[in-house]
Amino acid sequence: MSFFKTLKRGFKGAAKAVSADSYVINGMAVNCVHCGGKHFDEGQAQMNTAGLTFLNLDWANKSATVMVCKTCTHVMWFARSPEKVLD
């Protein structure tokens, strides 16, 4: 096998590891409660409260991890970030 083919194969393997989209929290796999999907996009969202919004202090609110199912787009919220699982 040539050097460049080997290098290309290495990059494909690295890309697969980096694009992990399965997660666990508290030792349990995260599965979509709607469709049972196992692959998610991860994001952050702010949990605004009426009191801090009234005082114009929205930046002081806590954030949550948001998991969006790649199959059905159902959104799930987590107070702590789930851990990525490398396939």
PDB file of N, CA and C in Angstrom:
ATOM      1  N   MET A   1       0.852  -1.171   0.000  1.00  0.00           N
ATOM      2  CA  MET A   1       0.000   0.000   0.000  1.00  0.00           C
ATOM      3  C   MET A   1       0.897   1.233   0.000  1.00  0.00           C
ATOM      4  N   SER A   2       0.517   2.234  -0.774  1.00  0.00           N
ATOM      5  CA  SER A   2       1.344   3.430  -0.883  1.00  0.00           C
ATOM      6  C   SER A   2       1.214   4.300   0.369  1.00  0.00           C
ATOM      7  N   PHE A   3       2.179   5.164   0.513  1.00  0.00           N
ATOM      8  CA  PHE A   3       2.197   6.076   1.652  1.00  0.00           C
ATOM      9  C   PHE A   3       0.935   6.932   1.704  1.00  0.00           C
ATOM     10  N   PHE A   4       0.512   7.460   0.539  1.00  0.00           N
ATOM     11  CA  PHE A   4      -0.632   8.364   0.511  1.00  0.00           C
ATOM     12  C   PHE A   4      -1.948   7.636   0.785  1.00  0.00           C
ATOM     13  N   LYS A   5      -2.065   6.386   0.332  1.00  0.00           N
ATOM     14  CA  LYS A   5      -3.264   5.620   0.649  1.00  0.00           C
ATOM     15  C   LYS A   5      -3.343   5.332   2.148  1.00  0.00           C
ATOM     16  N   THR A   6      -2.204   5.018   2.732  1.00  0.00           N
ATOM     17  CA  THR A   6      -2.156   4.773   4.171  1.00  0.00           C
ATOM     18  C   THR A   6      -2.505   6.036   4.940  1.00  0.00           C
ATOM     19  N   LEU A   7      -1.952   7.162   4.502  1.00  0.00           N
ATOM     20  CA  LEU A   7      -2.234   8.452   5.136  1.00  0.00           C
ATOM     21  C   LEU A   7      -3.718   8.787   5.024  1.00  0.00           C
ATOM     22  N   LYS A   8      -4.292   8.576   3.843  1.00  0.00           N
ATOM     23  CA  LYS A   8      -5.710   8.849   3.629  1.00  0.00           C
ATOM     24  C   LYS A   8      -6.578   7.973   4.538  1.00  0.00           C
ATOM     25  N   ARG A   9      -6.230   6.703   4.662  1.00  0.00           N
ATOM     26  CA  ARG A   9      -6.969   5.784   5.537  1.00  0.00           C
ATOM     27  C   ARG A   9      -6.886   6.257   6.992  1.00  0.00           C
ATOM     28  N   GLY A  10      -5.724   6.743   7.400  1.00  0.00           N
ATOM     29  CA  GLY A  10      -5.547   7.258   8.759  1.00  0.00           C
ATOM     30  C   GLY A  10      -6.436   8.455   9.025  1.00  0.00           C
ATOM     31  N   PHE A  11      -6.532   9.364   8.045  1.00  0.00           N
ATOM     32  CA  PHE A  11      -7.386  10.535   8.214  1.00  0.00           C
ATOM     33  C   PHE A  11      -8.859  10.137   8.293  1.00  0.00           C
ATOM     34  N   LYS A  12      -9.267   9.162   7.492  1.00  0.00           N
ATOM     35  CA  LYS A  12     -10.658   8.700   7.560  1.00  0.00           C
ATOM     36  C   LYS A  12     -10.967   8.114   8.925  1.00  0.00           C
ATOM     37  N   GLY A  13     -10.040   7.341   9.489  1.00  0.00           N
ATOM     38  CA  GLY A  13     -10.230   6.774  10.819  1.00  0.00           C
ATOM     39  C   GLY A  13     -10.296   7.844  11.882  1.00  0.00           C
ATOM     40  N   ALA A  14      -9.439   8.863  11.762  1.00  0.00           N
ATOM     41  CA  ALA A  14      -9.443   9.962  12.730  1.00  0.00           C
ATOM     42  C   ALA A  14     -10.735  10.752  12.629  1.00  0.00           C
ATOM     43  N   ALA A  15     -11.208  10.969  11.423  1.00  0.00           N
ATOM     44  CA  ALA A  15     -12.450  11.722  11.243  1.00  0.00           C
ATOM     45  C   ALA A  15     -13.621  10.967  11.868  1.00  0.00           C
ATOM     46  N   LYS A  16     -13.631   9.665  11.757  1.00  0.00           N
ATOM     47  CA  LYS A  16     -14.707   8.881  12.348  1.00  0.00           C
ATOM     48  C   LYS A  16     -14.692   9.015  13.866  1.00  0.00           C
ATOM     49  N   ALA A  17     -13.521   8.978  14.465  1.00  0.00           N
ATOM     50  CA  ALA A  17     -13.415   9.098  15.921  1.00  0.00           C
ATOM     51  C   ALA A  17     -13.835  10.482  16.381  1.00  0.00           C
ATOM     52  N   VAL A  18     -13.502  11.517  15.622  1.00  0.00           N
ATOM     53  CA  VAL A  18     -13.824  12.883  16.001  1.00  0.00           C
ATOM     54  C   VAL A  18     -15.319  13.142  15.867  1.00  0.00           C
ATOM     55  N   SER A  19     -15.973  12.500  14.911  1.00  0.00           N
ATOM     56  CA  SER A  19     -17.380  12.773  14.666  1.00  0.00           C
ATOM     57  C   SER A  19     -18.303  11.889  15.510  1.00  0.00           C
ATOM     58  N   ALA A  20     -17.837  11.451  16.657  1.00  0.00           N
ATOM     59  CA  ALA A  20     -18.660  10.623  17.536  1.00  0.00           C
ATOM     60  C   ALA A  20     -19.947  11.365  17.873  1.00  0.00           C
ATOM     61  N   ASP A  21     -21.049  10.672  17.793  1.00  0.00           N
ATOM     62  CA  ASP A  21     -22.327  11.309  18.080  1.00  0.00           C
ATOM     63  C   ASP A  21     -23.221  10.453  18.960  1.00  0.00           C
ATOM     64  N   SER A  22     -22.619   9.480  19.646  1.00  0.00           N
ATOM     65  CA  SER A  22     -23.322   8.685  20.649  1.00  0.00           C
ATOM     66  C   SER A  22     -22.832   9.136  22.023  1.00  0.00           C
ATOM     67  N   TYR A  23     -23.706   9.097  23.020  1.00  0.00           N
ATOM     68  CA  TYR A  23     -23.376   9.658  24.323  1.00  0.00           C
ATOM     69  C   TYR A  23     -23.822   8.736  25.449  1.00  0.00           C
ATOM     70  N   VAL A  24     -23.176   8.886  26.611  1.00  0.00           N
ATOM     71  CA  VAL A  24     -23.595   8.207  27.840  1.00  0.00           C
ATOM     72  C   VAL A  24     -23.647   9.236  28.958  1.00  0.00           C
ATOM     73  N   ILE A  25     -24.519   8.982  29.922  1.00  0.00           N
ATOM     74  CA  ILE A  25     -24.569   9.802  31.133  1.00  0.00           C
ATOM     75  C   ILE A  25     -24.893   8.857  32.291  1.00  0.00           C
ATOM     76  N   ASN A  26     -24.155   8.991  33.368  1.00  0.00           N
ATOM     77  CA  ASN A  26     -24.288   8.097  34.524  1.00  0.00           C
ATOM     78  C   ASN A  26     -24.156   6.632  34.124  1.00  0.00           C
ATOM     79  N   GLY A  27     -23.295   6.345  33.169  1.00  0.00           N
ATOM     80  CA  GLY A  27     -23.043   4.980  32.743  1.00  0.00           C
ATOM     81  C   GLY A  27     -24.109   4.375  31.846  1.00  0.00           C
ATOM     82  N   MET A  28     -25.113   5.153  31.476  1.00  0.00           N
ATOM     83  CA  MET A  28     -26.195   4.650  30.619  1.00  0.00           C
ATOM     84  C   MET A  28     -26.162   5.365  29.274  1.00  0.00           C
ATOM     85  N   ALA A  29     -26.409   4.609  28.203  1.00  0.00           N
ATOM     86  CA  ALA A  29     -26.444   5.196  26.862  1.00  0.00           C
ATOM     87  C   ALA A  29     -27.607   6.177  26.760  1.00  0.00           C
ATOM     88  N   VAL A  30     -27.383   7.285  26.077  1.00  0.00           N
ATOM     89  CA  VAL A  30     -28.449   8.248  25.818  1.00  0.00           C
ATOM     90  C   VAL A  30     -29.188   7.770  24.574  1.00  0.00           C
ATOM     91  N   ASN A  31     -30.483   7.523  24.713  1.00  0.00           N
ATOM     92  CA  ASN A  31     -31.345   7.112  23.609  1.00  0.00           C
ATOM     93  C   ASN A  31     -32.501   8.093  23.517  1.00  0.00           C
ATOM     94  N   CYS A  32     -32.927   8.382  22.310  1.00  0.00           N
ATOM     95  CA  CYS A  32     -34.053   9.292  22.106  1.00  0.00           C
ATOM     96  C   CYS A  32     -35.313   8.674  22.705  1.00  0.00           C
ATOM     97  N   VAL A  33     -36.038   9.453  23.500  1.00  0.00           N
ATOM     98  CA  VAL A  33     -37.256   8.947  24.132  1.00  0.00           C
ATOM     99  C   VAL A  33     -38.410   8.861  23.139  1.00  0.00           C
ATOM    100  N   HIS A  34     -38.270   9.499  21.994  1.00  0.00           N
ATOM    101  CA  HIS A  34     -39.335   9.480  20.993  1.00  0.00           C
ATOM    102  C   HIS A  34     -39.192   8.317  20.015  1.00  0.00           C
ATOM    103  N   CYS A  35     -37.982   8.176  19.415  1.00  0.00           N
ATOM    104  CA  CYS A  35     -37.811   7.161  18.370  1.00  0.00           C
ATOM    105  C   CYS A  35     -36.776   6.088  18.719  1.00  0.00           C
ATOM    106  N   GLY A  36     -36.079   6.246  19.847  1.00  0.00           N
ATOM    107  CA  GLY A  36     -35.057   5.281  20.232  1.00  0.00           C
ATOM    108  C   GLY A  36     -33.718   5.505  19.560  1.00  0.00           C
ATOM    109  N   GLY A  37     -33.567   6.604  18.822  1.00  0.00           N
ATOM    110  CA  GLY A  37     -32.318   6.912  18.125  1.00  0.00           C
ATOM    111  C   GLY A  37     -31.137   7.006  19.075  1.00  0.00           C
ATOM    112  N   LYS A  38     -29.944   6.758  18.551  1.00  0.00           N
ATOM    113  CA  LYS A  38     -28.732   6.749  19.370  1.00  0.00           C
ATOM    114  C   LYS A  38     -27.708   7.796  18.932  1.00  0.00           C
ATOM    115  N   HIS A  39     -28.043   8.624  17.945  1.00  0.00           N
ATOM    116  CA  HIS A  39     -27.101   9.602  17.410  1.00  0.00           C
ATOM    117  C   HIS A  39     -27.680  11.001  17.566  1.00  0.00           C
ATOM    118  N   PHE A  40     -26.837  11.914  18.097  1.00  0.00           N
ATOM    119  CA  PHE A  40     -27.309  13.235  18.466  1.00  0.00           C
ATOM    120  C   PHE A  40     -26.338  14.332  18.045  1.00  0.00           C
ATOM    121  N   ASP A  41     -26.878  15.536  17.878  1.00  0.00           N
ATOM    122  CA  ASP A  41     -26.083  16.750  17.803  1.00  0.00           C
ATOM    123  C   ASP A  41     -26.161  17.378  19.182  1.00  0.00           C
ATOM    124  N   GLU A  42     -25.033  17.888  19.667  1.00  0.00           N
ATOM    125  CA  GLU A  42     -24.965  18.459  21.014  1.00  0.00           C
ATOM    126  C   GLU A  42     -24.878  19.974  20.930  1.00  0.00           C
ATOM    127  N   GLY A  43     -25.549  20.653  21.855  1.00  0.00           N
ATOM    128  CA  GLY A  43     -25.485  22.104  21.924  1.00  0.00           C
ATOM    129  C   GLY A  43     -25.701  22.580  23.346  1.00  0.00           C
ATOM    130  N   GLN A  44     -25.683  23.876  23.523  1.00  0.00           N
ATOM    131  CA  GLN A  44     -25.910  24.491  24.826  1.00  0.00           C
ATOM    132  C   GLN A  44     -27.094  25.449  24.719  1.00  0.00           C
ATOM    133  N   ALA A  45     -27.871  25.548  25.777  1.00  0.00           N
ATOM    134  CA  ALA A  45     -28.994  26.476  25.832  1.00  0.00           C
ATOM    135  C   ALA A  45     -29.064  27.069  27.228  1.00  0.00           C
ATOM    136  N   GLN A  46     -29.501  28.309  27.281  1.00  0.00           N
ATOM    137  CA  GLN A  46     -29.600  28.991  28.560  1.00  0.00           C
ATOM    138  C   GLN A  46     -30.983  28.763  29.163  1.00  0.00           C
ATOM    139  N   MET A  47     -31.018  28.493  30.460  1.00  0.00           N
ATOM    140  CA  MET A  47     -32.282  28.287  31.161  1.00  0.00           C
ATOM    141  C   MET A  47     -32.663  29.595  31.843  1.00  0.00           C
ATOM    142  N   ASN A  48     -33.387  30.430  31.122  1.00  0.00           N
ATOM    143  CA  ASN A  48     -33.747  31.750  31.642  1.00  0.00           C
ATOM    144  C   ASN A  48     -34.785  31.660  32.744  1.00  0.00           C
ATOM    145  N   THR A  49     -34.684  32.579  33.697  1.00  0.00           N
ATOM    146  CA  THR A  49     -35.669  32.694  34.771  1.00  0.00           C
ATOM    147  C   THR A  49     -36.307  34.076  34.692  1.00  0.00           C
ATOM    148  N   ALA A  50     -37.544  34.166  35.135  1.00  0.00           N
ATOM    149  CA  ALA A  50     -38.272  35.435  35.058  1.00  0.00           C
ATOM    150  C   ALA A  50     -37.584  36.539  35.869  1.00  0.00           C
ATOM    151  N   GLY A  51     -37.085  36.177  37.050  1.00  0.00           N
ATOM    152  CA  GLY A  51     -36.464  37.184  37.912  1.00  0.00           C
ATOM    153  C   GLY A  51     -35.220  37.810  37.297  1.00  0.00           C
ATOM    154  N   LEU A  52     -34.314  36.982  36.801  1.00  0.00           N
ATOM    155  CA  LEU A  52     -33.092  37.523  36.203  1.00  0.00           C
ATOM    156  C   LEU A  52     -33.366  38.218  34.877  1.00  0.00           C
ATOM    157  N   THR A  53     -34.381  37.747  34.139  1.00  0.00           N
ATOM    158  CA  THR A  53     -34.753  38.430  32.892  1.00  0.00           C
ATOM    159  C   THR A  53     -35.311  39.814  33.216  1.00  0.00           C
ATOM    160  N   PHE A  54     -36.141  39.915  34.266  1.00  0.00           N
ATOM    161  CA  PHE A  54     -36.700  41.202  34.678  1.00  0.00           C
ATOM    162  C   PHE A  54     -35.599  42.188  35.036  1.00  0.00           C
ATOM    163  N   LEU A  55     -34.533  41.687  35.676  1.00  0.00           N
ATOM    164  CA  LEU A  55     -33.406  42.541  36.069  1.00  0.00           C
ATOM    165  C   LEU A  55     -32.370  42.704  34.954  1.00  0.00           C
ATOM    166  N   ASN A  56     -32.680  42.155  33.769  1.00  0.00           N
ATOM    167  CA  ASN A  56     -31.775  42.221  32.620  1.00  0.00           C
ATOM    168  C   ASN A  56     -30.440  41.530  32.916  1.00  0.00           C
ATOM    169  N   LEU A  57     -30.510  40.412  33.652  1.00  0.00           N
ATOM    170  CA  LEU A  57     -29.321  39.642  34.004  1.00  0.00           C
ATOM    171  C   LEU A  57     -29.394  38.221  33.431  1.00  0.00           C
ATOM    172  N   ASP A  58     -29.896  38.096  32.213  1.00  0.00           N
ATOM    173  CA  ASP A  58     -30.027  36.776  31.600  1.00  0.00           C
ATOM    174  C   ASP A  58     -28.701  36.024  31.537  1.00  0.00           C
ATOM    175  N   TRP A  59     -27.608  36.740  31.406  1.00  0.00           N
ATOM    176  CA  TRP A  59     -26.289  36.111  31.317  1.00  0.00           C
ATOM    177  C   TRP A  59     -25.939  35.322  32.582  1.00  0.00           C
ATOM    178  N   ALA A  60     -26.598  35.618  33.704  1.00  0.00           N
ATOM    179  CA  ALA A  60     -26.288  34.953  34.971  1.00  0.00           C
ATOM    180  C   ALA A  60     -27.030  33.616  35.144  1.00  0.00           C
ATOM    181  N   ASN A  61     -27.949  33.292  34.232  1.00  0.00           N
ATOM    182  CA  ASN A  61     -28.686  32.038  34.324  1.00  0.00           C
ATOM    183  C   ASN A  61     -27.787  30.849  33.994  1.00  0.00           C
ATOM    184  N   LYS A  62     -28.158  29.680  34.510  1.00  0.00           N
ATOM    185  CA  LYS A  62     -27.414  28.459  34.219  1.00  0.00           C
ATOM    186  C   LYS A  62     -27.681  28.017  32.782  1.00  0.00           C
ATOM    187  N   SER A  63     -26.766  27.199  32.261  1.00  0.00           N
ATOM    188  CA  SER A  63     -26.918  26.621  30.929  1.00  0.00           C
ATOM    189  C   SER A  63     -27.178  25.131  31.049  1.00  0.00           C
ATOM    190  N   ALA A  64     -27.783  24.567  30.019  1.00  0.00           N
ATOM    191  CA  ALA A  64     -28.039  23.131  29.952  1.00  0.00           C
ATOM    192  C   ALA A  64     -27.474  22.600  28.648  1.00  0.00           C
ATOM    193  N   THR A  65     -27.171  21.316  28.636  1.00  0.00           N
ATOM    194  CA  THR A  65     -26.758  20.660  27.400  1.00  0.00           C
ATOM    195  C   THR A  65     -28.015  20.185  26.691  1.00  0.00           C
ATOM    196  N   VAL A  66     -28.093  20.480  25.419  1.00  0.00           N
ATOM    197  CA  VAL A  66     -29.242  20.095  24.613  1.00  0.00           C
ATOM    198  C   VAL A  66     -28.786  19.043  23.609  1.00  0.00           C
ATOM    199  N   MET A  67     -29.502  17.923  23.563  1.00  0.00           N
ATOM    200  CA  MET A  67     -29.196  16.847  22.626  1.00  0.00           C
ATOM    201  C   MET A  67     -30.339  16.768  21.621  1.00  0.00           C
ATOM    202  N   VAL A  68     -30.006  16.895  20.326  1.00  0.00           N
ATOM    203  CA  VAL A  68     -31.011  16.841  19.265  1.00  0.00           C
ATOM    204  C   VAL A  68     -30.828  15.532  18.501  1.00  0.00           C
ATOM    205  N   CYS A  69     -31.853  14.706  18.497  1.00  0.00           N
ATOM    206  CA  CYS A  69     -31.803  13.413  17.825  1.00  0.00           C
ATOM    207  C   CYS A  69     -31.616  13.628  16.325  1.00  0.00           C
ATOM    208  N   LYS A  70     -30.644  12.935  15.750  1.00  0.00           N
ATOM    209  CA  LYS A  70     -30.383  13.065  14.313  1.00  0.00           C
ATOM    210  C   LYS A  70     -31.432  12.348  13.471  1.00  0.00           C
ATOM    211  N   THR A  71     -32.235  11.469  14.078  1.00  0.00           N
ATOM    212  CA  THR A  71     -33.257  10.740  13.334  1.00  0.00           C
ATOM    213  C   THR A  71     -34.565  11.518  13.262  1.00  0.00           C
ATOM    214  N   CYS A  72     -35.070  11.953  14.427  1.00  0.00           N
ATOM    215  CA  CYS A  72     -36.402  12.578  14.444  1.00  0.00           C
ATOM    216  C   CYS A  72     -36.390  14.042  14.896  1.00  0.00           C
ATOM    217  N   THR A  73     -35.254  14.567  15.273  1.00  0.00           N
ATOM    218  CA  THR A  73     -35.033  15.948  15.735  1.00  0.00           C
ATOM    219  C   THR A  73     -35.672  16.260  17.089  1.00  0.00           C
ATOM    220  N   HIS A  74     -36.033  15.243  17.850  1.00  0.00           N
ATOM    221  CA  HIS A  74     -36.536  15.476  19.210  1.00  0.00           C
ATOM    222  C   HIS A  74     -35.414  16.097  20.042  1.00  0.00           C
ATOM    223  N   VAL A  75     -35.752  17.065  20.891  1.00  0.00           N
ATOM    224  CA  VAL A  75     -34.769  17.771  21.710  1.00  0.00           C
ATOM    225  C   VAL A  75     -34.875  17.304  23.158  1.00  0.00           C
ATOM    226  N   MET A  76     -33.727  16.924  23.734  1.00  0.00           N
ATOM    227  CA  MET A  76     -33.678  16.523  25.144  1.00  0.00           C
ATOM    228  C   MET A  76     -32.705  17.445  25.870  1.00  0.00           C
ATOM    229  N   TRP A  77     -33.042  17.802  27.103  1.00  0.00           N
ATOM    230  CA  TRP A  77     -32.235  18.714  27.910  1.00  0.00           C
ATOM    231  C   TRP A  77     -31.561  17.947  29.039  1.00  0.00           C
ATOM    232  N   PHE A  78     -30.303  18.298  29.327  1.00  0.00           N
ATOM    233  CA  PHE A  78     -29.542  17.685  30.416  1.00  0.00           C
ATOM    234  C   PHE A  78     -28.878  18.781  31.238  1.00  0.00           C
ATOM    235  N   ALA A  79     -28.966  18.653  32.571  1.00  0.00           N
ATOM    236  CA  ALA A  79     -28.320  19.623  33.457  1.00  0.00           C
ATOM    237  C   ALA A  79     -26.798  19.472  33.427  1.00  0.00           C
ATOM    238  N   ARG A  80     -26.317  18.241  33.204  1.00  0.00           N
ATOM    239  CA  ARG A  80     -24.879  17.983  33.044  1.00  0.00           C
ATOM    240  C   ARG A  80     -24.636  17.477  31.634  1.00  0.00           C
ATOM    241  N   SER A  81     -23.439  17.682  31.129  1.00  0.00           N
ATOM    242  CA  SER A  81     -23.110  17.238  29.778  1.00  0.00           C
ATOM    243  C   SER A  81     -22.867  15.728  29.727  1.00  0.00           C
ATOM    244  N   PRO A  82     -23.578  15.035  28.822  1.00  0.00           N
ATOM    245  CA  PRO A  82     -23.262  13.618  28.612  1.00  0.00           C
ATOM    246  C   PRO A  82     -21.869  13.476  27.991  1.00  0.00           C
ATOM    247  N   GLU A  83     -21.279  12.306  28.144  1.00  0.00           N
ATOM    248  CA  GLU A  83     -19.951  12.049  27.599  1.00  0.00           C
ATOM    249  C   GLU A  83     -20.066  11.387  26.227  1.00  0.00           C
ATOM    250  N   LYS A  84     -19.202  11.800  25.293  1.00  0.00           N
ATOM    251  CA  LYS A  84     -19.197  11.191  23.961  1.00  0.00           C
ATOM    252  C   LYS A  84     -18.649   9.783  24.053  1.00  0.00           C
ATOM    253  N   VAL A  85     -19.212   8.900  23.226  1.00  0.00           N
ATOM    254  CA  VAL A  85     -18.743   7.527  23.128  1.00  0.00           C
ATOM    255  C   VAL A  85     -18.120   7.366  21.753  1.00  0.00           C
ATOM    256  N   LEU A  86     -16.862   6.920  21.719  1.00  0.00           N
ATOM    257  CA  LEU A  86     -16.205   6.685  20.456  1.00  0.00           C
ATOM    258  C   LEU A  86     -16.572   5.297  19.972  1.00  0.00           C
ATOM    259  N   ASP A  87     -17.145   5.238  18.773  1.00  0.00           N
ATOM    260  CA  ASP A  87     -17.581   3.946  18.208  1.00  0.00           C
ATOM    261  C   ASP A  87     -16.411   3.135  17.734  1.00  0.00           C
TER     262      ASP A  87
END
